[in-house]
Amino acid sequence: MSEQLTGKLNPIQLELLKLFSTNISDSDLSILKKILLDFRMKRAVDAANEAWEEKNWTEKDVQRILDTHMRTPYKSQEEHLKNK
């Protein structure tokens, strides 16, 4: 999504344009959206499983990751206004 638009369509985009160049019912569109979503979800799960195996993670590692506070610390509003 962060790629810049170059004016060229990749093969997937071209195939989808061909598909949508015909009349497609709302029902078929809904089915197609689910298929695409299932595909992306499977790819994400496969990537997570691959990372899990590469890193030899255990349930304990996952719990540690879930319990880790990884948000960006922000200045308080008072501190921000004081520095203006």
C-alpha atoms as a PDB file:
ATOM      1  CA  MET A   1       0.000   0.000   0.000  1.00  0.00           C
ATOM      2  CA  SER A   2       2.871   2.367   0.596  1.00  0.00           C
ATOM      3  CA  GLU A   3       4.229   1.973  -2.930  1.00  0.00           C
ATOM      4  CA  GLN A   4       4.015   5.057  -5.093  1.00  0.00           C
ATOM      5  CA  LEU A   5       1.653   4.959  -8.046  1.00  0.00           C
ATOM      6  CA  THR A   6       3.707   4.516 -11.190  1.00  0.00           C
ATOM      7  CA  GLY A   7       0.904   4.245 -13.716  1.00  0.00           C
ATOM      8  CA  LYS A   8       1.731   0.597 -14.429  1.00  0.00           C
ATOM      9  CA  LEU A   9      -0.512  -2.208 -13.283  1.00  0.00           C
ATOM     10  CA  ASN A  10       0.923  -5.445 -11.977  1.00  0.00           C
ATOM     11  CA  PRO A  11      -0.335  -8.826 -13.270  1.00  0.00           C
ATOM     12  CA  ILE A  12      -2.748  -9.286 -10.352  1.00  0.00           C
ATOM     13  CA  GLN A  13      -4.341  -5.902 -10.981  1.00  0.00           C
ATOM     14  CA  LEU A  14      -4.688  -6.693 -14.687  1.00  0.00           C
ATOM     15  CA  GLU A  15      -6.393 -10.017 -13.946  1.00  0.00           C
ATOM     16  CA  LEU A  16      -8.805  -8.327 -11.539  1.00  0.00           C
ATOM     17  CA  LEU A  17      -9.626  -5.674 -14.141  1.00  0.00           C
ATOM     18  CA  LYS A  18     -10.397  -8.416 -16.669  1.00  0.00           C
ATOM     19  CA  LEU A  19     -12.643 -10.111 -14.131  1.00  0.00           C
ATOM     20  CA  PHE A  20     -14.508  -6.921 -13.291  1.00  0.00           C
ATOM     21  CA  SER A  21     -14.844  -5.837 -16.924  1.00  0.00           C
ATOM     22  CA  THR A  22     -17.799  -8.210 -17.146  1.00  0.00           C
ATOM     23  CA  ASN A  23     -21.036  -7.778 -15.243  1.00  0.00           C
ATOM     24  CA  ILE A  24     -20.642  -9.351 -11.857  1.00  0.00           C
ATOM     25  CA  SER A  25     -23.536  -9.664  -9.450  1.00  0.00           C
ATOM     26  CA  ASP A  26     -23.427  -8.294  -5.919  1.00  0.00           C
ATOM     27  CA  SER A  27     -23.601 -11.862  -4.684  1.00  0.00           C
ATOM     28  CA  ASP A  28     -20.594 -12.904  -6.767  1.00  0.00           C
ATOM     29  CA  LEU A  29     -18.714  -9.795  -5.658  1.00  0.00           C
ATOM     30  CA  SER A  30     -19.338 -10.713  -2.043  1.00  0.00           C
ATOM     31  CA  ILE A  31     -18.075 -14.252  -2.680  1.00  0.00           C
ATOM     32  CA  LEU A  32     -14.993 -12.931  -4.464  1.00  0.00           C
ATOM     33  CA  LYS A  33     -14.204 -10.544  -1.609  1.00  0.00           C
ATOM     34  CA  LYS A  34     -14.365 -13.458   0.826  1.00  0.00           C
ATOM     35  CA  ILE A  35     -12.056 -15.545  -1.367  1.00  0.00           C
ATOM     36  CA  LEU A  36      -9.521 -12.705  -1.543  1.00  0.00           C
ATOM     37  CA  LEU A  37      -9.747 -12.107   2.198  1.00  0.00           C
ATOM     38  CA  ASP A  38      -9.281 -15.828   2.902  1.00  0.00           C
ATOM     39  CA  PHE A  39      -6.235 -15.822   0.613  1.00  0.00           C
ATOM     40  CA  ARG A  40      -4.636 -12.863   2.414  1.00  0.00           C
ATOM     41  CA  MET A  41      -5.418 -14.361   5.815  1.00  0.00           C
ATOM     42  CA  LYS A  42      -3.847 -17.675   4.847  1.00  0.00           C
ATOM     43  CA  ARG A  43      -0.714 -15.870   3.651  1.00  0.00           C
ATOM     44  CA  ALA A  44      -0.487 -13.943   6.944  1.00  0.00           C
ATOM     45  CA  VAL A  45      -0.922 -17.117   9.004  1.00  0.00           C
ATOM     46  CA  ASP A  46       1.685 -18.924   6.892  1.00  0.00           C
ATOM     47  CA  ALA A  47       4.156 -16.042   7.387  1.00  0.00           C
ATOM     48  CA  ALA A  48       3.527 -16.037  11.148  1.00  0.00           C
ATOM     49  CA  ASN A  49       4.010 -19.805  11.327  1.00  0.00           C
ATOM     50  CA  GLU A  50       7.242 -19.531   9.349  1.00  0.00           C
ATOM     51  CA  ALA A  51       8.572 -16.834  11.701  1.00  0.00           C
ATOM     52  CA  TRP A  52       7.529 -18.948  14.699  1.00  0.00           C
ATOM     53  CA  GLU A  53       9.508 -21.928  13.381  1.00  0.00           C
ATOM     54  CA  GLU A  54      12.561 -19.878  12.303  1.00  0.00           C
ATOM     55  CA  LYS A  55      12.828 -18.269  15.729  1.00  0.00           C
ATOM     56  CA  ASN A  56      12.006 -21.468  17.615  1.00  0.00           C
ATOM     57  CA  TRP A  57       9.378 -19.626  19.643  1.00  0.00           C
ATOM     58  CA  THR A  58       7.438 -21.248  22.444  1.00  0.00           C
ATOM     59  CA  GLU A  59       4.163 -20.274  24.096  1.00  0.00           C
ATOM     60  CA  LYS A  60       6.283 -18.561  26.757  1.00  0.00           C
ATOM     61  CA  ASP A  61       7.913 -16.349  24.090  1.00  0.00           C
ATOM     62  CA  VAL A  62       4.521 -15.389  22.694  1.00  0.00           C
ATOM     63  CA  GLN A  63       3.246 -14.466  26.146  1.00  0.00           C
ATOM     64  CA  ARG A  64       6.366 -12.328  26.720  1.00  0.00           C
ATOM     65  CA  ILE A  65       5.735 -10.519  23.416  1.00  0.00           C
ATOM     66  CA  LEU A  66       2.072  -9.971  24.285  1.00  0.00           C
ATOM     67  CA  ASP A  67       3.018  -8.584  27.706  1.00  0.00           C
ATOM     68  CA  THR A  68       5.678  -6.216  26.327  1.00  0.00           C
ATOM     69  CA  HIS A  69       4.717  -2.553  26.156  1.00  0.00           C
ATOM     70  CA  MET A  70       5.988  -1.437  22.745  1.00  0.00           C
ATOM     71  CA  ARG A  71       4.081   1.799  22.180  1.00  0.00           C
ATOM     72  CA  THR A  72       5.875   5.032  21.432  1.00  0.00           C
ATOM     73  CA  PRO A  73       6.173   7.136  24.581  1.00  0.00           C
ATOM     74  CA  TYR A  74       4.530  10.520  24.116  1.00  0.00           C
ATOM     75  CA  LYS A  75       5.170  13.733  25.976  1.00  0.00           C
ATOM     76  CA  SER A  76       2.439  14.851  28.298  1.00  0.00           C
ATOM     77  CA  GLN A  77       0.420  17.834  27.110  1.00  0.00           C
ATOM     78  CA  GLU A  78       1.918  19.972  29.866  1.00  0.00           C
ATOM     79  CA  GLU A  79       5.467  19.048  28.815  1.00  0.00           C
ATOM     80  CA  HIS A  80       4.616  19.726  25.178  1.00  0.00           C
ATOM     81  CA  LEU A  81       3.150  23.150  25.937  1.00  0.00           C
ATOM     82  CA  LYS A  82       6.063  24.033  28.193  1.00  0.00           C
ATOM     83  CA  ASN A  83       8.535  23.457  25.343  1.00  0.00           C
ATOM     84  CA  LYS A  84       6.646  25.674  22.872  1.00  0.00           C
END
